[in-house]
């Protein structure tokens, strides 16, 4: 044996998992899917330096090699999306069902991920609770009973206040929108209503409900809000928002 022969490391061929991997995989799992350019923006925020799309592609490529994620170009003219396999979910301790994201929800999904990134930049110490996480604690829907409206995300601030986030891409009717606004603003408990005893809070669950609305949805959400009681409307913010 040659004296200068390189000794192979014991972990040769394995991935050294770092913060970028853990955070990126977790976001992909929680959001259902992440567009590659938004994944690069996430890496830039957590590392405090610019991370290119090519660098994000390289990082996610290692996940794909290990069978943790799938990357695919789905929408014409847009960067590819990534989502986790069952093995990827297991790597970061998520219990969501793995599978291809529905095509109909991809753009909405992308909008919510973009909003989450904006909030992370504004409130870096806050925590995000995704729609998937909320739905995971809800009991099965009973026949002939309507289920509660679930926001697109919750922002939990360090002082304990919770903000409900709604991305309204397509306008609903004014009546339907008002019903959703009333439900969120008057809610006084979490979504795990399968508990034997629900703890009803003395204060509303949401300190604020924020709508990020398209031009069409902005008009409807604003009209609906004008029909709310003053004390509820004071905690509702409707923004005209588009990427």
Protein backbone atom coordinates (compact mmCIF):
# COMPACT_ATOMS: atom_id res chain seq x y z
CA UNK A 1 0.00 0.00 0.00
CA UNK A 2 1.35 3.40 -0.92
CA UNK A 3 2.24 5.49 2.11
CA UNK A 4 0.71 8.61 0.61
CA UNK A 5 -2.59 6.96 -0.30
CA UNK A 6 -5.52 9.07 0.90
CA UNK A 7 -7.55 7.59 3.75
CA UNK A 8 -11.27 7.62 2.97
CA UNK A 9 -13.39 9.38 5.57
CA UNK A 10 -15.98 7.32 7.39
CA UNK A 11 -18.74 9.72 6.31
CA UNK A 12 -17.64 9.77 2.68
CA UNK A 13 -20.66 9.92 0.39
CA UNK A 14 -23.05 11.11 3.09
CA UNK A 15 -24.64 14.56 3.39
CA UNK A 16 -23.42 16.79 6.16
CA UNK A 17 -26.71 18.39 7.14
CA UNK A 18 -26.45 22.06 8.05
CA UNK A 19 -28.83 24.88 8.95
CA UNK A 20 -29.59 25.54 5.28
CA UNK A 21 -30.70 21.95 4.81
CA UNK A 22 -32.85 21.76 7.95
CA UNK A 23 -34.58 25.10 7.39
CA UNK A 24 -35.06 24.54 3.66
CA UNK A 25 -36.47 21.04 4.05
CA UNK A 26 -38.76 22.21 6.86
CA UNK A 27 -40.17 25.08 4.79
CA UNK A 28 -40.75 22.78 1.81
CA UNK A 29 -42.66 20.40 4.05
CA UNK A 30 -44.69 23.05 5.86
CA UNK A 31 -45.60 25.01 2.74
CA UNK A 32 -46.34 21.94 0.64
CA UNK A 33 -43.88 23.05 -2.04
CA UNK A 34 -41.29 25.80 -2.53
CA UNK A 35 -40.30 27.50 -5.76
CA UNK A 36 -36.54 27.38 -6.28
CA UNK A 37 -36.01 31.16 -6.38
CA UNK A 38 -37.90 31.57 -3.09
CA UNK A 39 -35.77 28.83 -1.56
CA UNK A 40 -32.70 30.86 -2.57
CA UNK A 41 -34.25 33.94 -0.92
CA UNK A 42 -34.85 31.91 2.25
CA UNK A 43 -31.20 30.82 2.32
CA UNK A 44 -30.14 34.46 1.83
CA UNK A 45 -32.21 35.57 4.82
CA UNK A 46 -31.06 32.88 7.25
CA UNK A 47 -27.40 33.25 6.26
CA UNK A 48 -27.32 37.03 5.97
CA UNK A 49 -25.70 36.95 2.54
CA UNK A 50 -26.87 36.65 -1.04
CA UNK A 51 -27.49 33.07 -2.14
CA UNK A 52 -28.01 32.51 -5.86
CA UNK A 53 -30.65 30.34 -7.47
CA UNK A 54 -27.83 28.13 -8.80
CA UNK A 55 -26.55 27.63 -5.23
CA UNK A 56 -30.08 26.71 -4.09
CA UNK A 57 -30.28 24.30 -7.02
CA UNK A 58 -27.05 22.65 -5.91
CA UNK A 59 -28.23 22.32 -2.30
CA UNK A 60 -31.61 20.92 -3.31
CA UNK A 61 -29.85 18.60 -5.75
CA UNK A 62 -28.22 16.85 -2.80
CA UNK A 63 -31.67 16.35 -1.23
CA UNK A 64 -32.89 14.81 -4.47
CA UNK A 65 -29.90 12.45 -4.62
CA UNK A 66 -30.74 11.23 -1.11
CA UNK A 67 -34.40 10.73 -2.01
CA UNK A 68 -35.59 13.51 0.32
CA UNK A 69 -37.17 15.80 -2.27
CA UNK A 70 -38.53 16.08 -5.80
CA UNK A 71 -37.77 19.04 -8.09
CA UNK A 72 -39.80 19.67 -11.20
CA UNK A 73 -40.60 22.51 -13.60
CA UNK A 74 -44.40 22.62 -13.73
CA UNK A 75 -45.59 26.11 -14.69
CA UNK A 76 -44.28 27.45 -17.98
CA UNK A 77 -41.93 30.39 -17.56
CA UNK A 78 -41.48 29.84 -13.81
CA UNK A 79 -38.58 28.32 -11.87
CA UNK A 80 -38.99 24.70 -10.74
CA UNK A 81 -40.77 23.71 -7.54
CA UNK A 82 -39.53 21.41 -4.79
CA UNK A 83 -41.49 19.21 -2.41
CA UNK A 84 -40.59 16.52 0.08
CA UNK A 85 -40.86 12.77 -0.18
CA UNK A 86 -41.88 10.66 2.82
CA UNK A 87 -38.17 10.22 3.57
CA UNK A 88 -37.65 13.98 3.46
CA UNK A 89 -40.53 14.55 5.86
CA UNK A 90 -38.96 12.06 8.24
CA UNK A 91 -35.59 13.82 8.12
CA UNK A 92 -37.05 16.99 9.68
CA UNK A 93 -39.68 15.35 11.88
CA UNK A 94 -42.76 16.32 9.90
CA UNK A 95 -45.79 14.06 9.81
CA UNK A 96 -47.50 15.44 6.70
CA UNK A 97 -48.52 13.12 3.88
CA UNK A 98 -45.99 13.32 1.05
CA UNK A 99 -47.12 13.66 -2.55
CA UNK A 100 -47.13 15.89 -5.61
CA UNK A 101 -48.66 19.32 -4.89
CA UNK A 102 -51.98 20.05 -6.65
CA UNK A 103 -51.41 22.08 -9.79
CA UNK A 104 -54.36 24.36 -8.97
CA UNK A 105 -52.77 25.53 -5.72
CA UNK A 106 -49.19 26.14 -6.85
CA UNK A 107 -49.46 29.89 -7.53
CA UNK A 108 -51.37 30.47 -4.30
CA UNK A 109 -48.77 28.37 -2.51
CA UNK A 110 -46.01 30.48 -4.02
CA UNK A 111 -47.73 33.71 -2.92
CA UNK A 112 -48.03 32.50 0.68
CA UNK A 113 -44.37 31.45 0.73
CA UNK A 114 -43.41 34.91 -0.56
CA UNK A 115 -45.53 36.56 2.15
CA UNK A 116 -43.95 34.33 4.78
CA UNK A 117 -40.50 35.44 3.61
CA UNK A 118 -41.53 39.11 3.88
CA UNK A 119 -42.78 38.55 7.42
CA UNK A 120 -39.57 36.72 8.36
CA UNK A 121 -37.61 39.77 7.22
CA UNK A 122 -39.85 42.17 9.20
CA UNK A 123 -40.29 39.97 12.29
CA UNK A 124 -37.24 37.67 12.43
CA UNK A 125 -38.07 36.39 15.93
CA UNK A 126 -41.66 35.47 15.08
CA UNK A 127 -42.85 31.94 14.37
CA UNK A 128 -44.99 30.79 11.48
CA UNK A 129 -47.70 28.15 11.67
CA UNK A 130 -48.67 26.94 8.22
CA UNK A 131 -52.11 25.95 6.99
CA UNK A 132 -50.85 22.36 6.83
CA UNK A 133 -49.91 22.48 10.50
CA UNK A 134 -53.28 23.91 11.49
CA UNK A 135 -55.16 21.29 9.48
CA UNK A 136 -53.09 18.52 11.04
CA UNK A 137 -54.69 19.14 14.47
CA UNK A 138 -58.25 19.45 13.20
CA UNK A 139 -60.59 16.50 13.73
CA UNK A 140 -62.10 14.77 10.67
CA UNK A 141 -64.93 16.71 9.10
CA UNK A 142 -68.34 15.36 10.06
CA UNK A 143 -70.97 14.74 7.43
CA UNK A 144 -73.36 17.64 6.80
CA UNK A 145 -71.34 19.95 9.05
CA UNK A 146 -69.30 22.84 7.71
CA UNK A 147 -65.73 23.10 8.94
CA UNK A 148 -64.01 26.24 10.21
CA UNK A 149 -62.18 28.42 7.72
CA UNK A 150 -58.43 27.93 8.07
CA UNK A 151 -56.13 30.91 7.40
CA UNK A 152 -53.18 30.55 5.04
CA UNK A 153 -50.86 30.95 8.00
CA UNK A 154 -50.49 32.24 11.53
CA UNK A 155 -47.73 34.54 12.74
CA UNK A 156 -46.93 34.08 16.43
CA UNK A 157 -45.09 37.09 17.83
CA UNK A 158 -42.70 36.90 20.76
CA UNK A 159 -45.22 38.64 23.04
CA UNK A 160 -47.74 35.86 22.36
CA UNK A 161 -50.00 37.75 19.97
CA UNK A 162 -51.19 35.79 16.94
CA UNK A 163 -51.89 37.26 13.51
CA UNK A 164 -53.95 35.41 10.89
CA UNK A 165 -52.69 35.71 7.30
CA UNK A 166 -55.00 35.48 4.30
CA UNK A 167 -53.82 35.56 0.68
CA UNK A 168 -56.88 36.36 -1.45
CA UNK A 169 -55.94 35.78 -5.08
CA UNK A 170 -59.44 35.15 -6.45
CA UNK A 171 -62.40 37.15 -5.13
CA UNK A 172 -65.24 35.35 -3.38
CA UNK A 173 -68.68 36.87 -2.93
CA UNK A 174 -69.05 39.72 -0.45
CA UNK A 175 -71.29 37.56 1.76
CA UNK A 176 -68.83 34.65 1.79
CA UNK A 177 -65.91 36.97 2.49
CA UNK A 178 -67.74 38.65 5.35
CA UNK A 179 -68.55 35.24 6.84
CA UNK A 180 -64.85 34.29 6.78
CA UNK A 181 -63.78 37.62 8.28
CA UNK A 182 -66.34 37.28 11.07
CA UNK A 183 -65.19 33.75 11.81
CA UNK A 184 -61.52 34.66 12.08
CA UNK A 185 -62.03 37.87 14.04
CA UNK A 186 -64.41 36.32 16.56
CA UNK A 187 -62.51 33.07 17.03
CA UNK A 188 -61.53 32.36 20.66
CA UNK A 189 -59.90 28.92 20.53
CA UNK A 190 -57.47 26.82 18.54
CA UNK A 191 -58.52 24.45 15.75
CA UNK A 192 -58.20 21.20 17.70
CA UNK A 193 -61.91 21.07 18.48
CA UNK A 194 -61.68 17.32 19.00
CA UNK A 195 -60.56 17.92 22.57
CA UNK A 196 -62.96 16.86 25.32
CA UNK A 197 -62.83 20.34 26.81
CA UNK A 198 -62.11 23.34 24.62
CA UNK A 199 -60.39 26.19 26.39
CA UNK A 200 -62.19 29.31 25.28
CA UNK A 201 -59.94 32.35 25.52
CA UNK A 202 -61.07 35.51 27.26
CA UNK A 203 -59.69 37.48 24.30
CA UNK A 204 -60.03 36.82 20.55
CA UNK A 205 -57.44 34.38 19.23
CA UNK A 206 -56.24 36.81 16.60
CA UNK A 207 -54.87 40.21 17.55
CA UNK A 208 -55.11 41.02 13.86
CA UNK A 209 -56.27 39.49 10.59
CA UNK A 210 -54.34 40.62 7.51
CA UNK A 211 -55.57 40.18 3.95
CA UNK A 212 -53.06 40.30 1.07
CA UNK A 213 -55.54 40.80 -1.75
CA UNK A 214 -55.36 40.97 -5.52
CA UNK A 215 -57.01 44.06 -7.09
CA UNK A 216 -60.25 42.13 -7.70
CA UNK A 217 -60.28 40.57 -4.22
CA UNK A 218 -59.31 43.88 -2.56
CA UNK A 219 -62.59 45.49 -3.63
CA UNK A 220 -64.66 42.59 -2.30
CA UNK A 221 -62.72 42.23 0.97
CA UNK A 222 -63.03 45.97 1.61
CA UNK A 223 -66.79 45.97 0.96
CA UNK A 224 -67.23 42.97 3.26
CA UNK A 225 -65.24 44.65 6.03
CA UNK A 226 -67.54 47.68 5.99
CA UNK A 227 -70.39 45.41 7.11
CA UNK A 228 -68.51 44.25 10.20
CA UNK A 229 -69.02 45.65 13.73
CA UNK A 230 -66.57 48.45 14.50
CA UNK A 231 -64.65 46.47 17.15
CA UNK A 232 -64.00 43.62 14.71
CA UNK A 233 -63.16 45.84 11.75
CA UNK A 234 -60.51 47.59 13.87
CA UNK A 235 -58.46 44.36 13.89
CA UNK A 236 -58.74 43.73 10.14
CA UNK A 237 -56.21 45.01 7.62
CA UNK A 238 -56.79 44.61 3.88
CA UNK A 239 -53.80 45.33 1.65
CA UNK A 240 -53.67 45.57 -2.13
CA UNK A 241 -50.87 43.11 -2.82
CA UNK A 242 -49.46 41.46 -5.91
CA UNK A 243 -46.03 40.17 -6.82
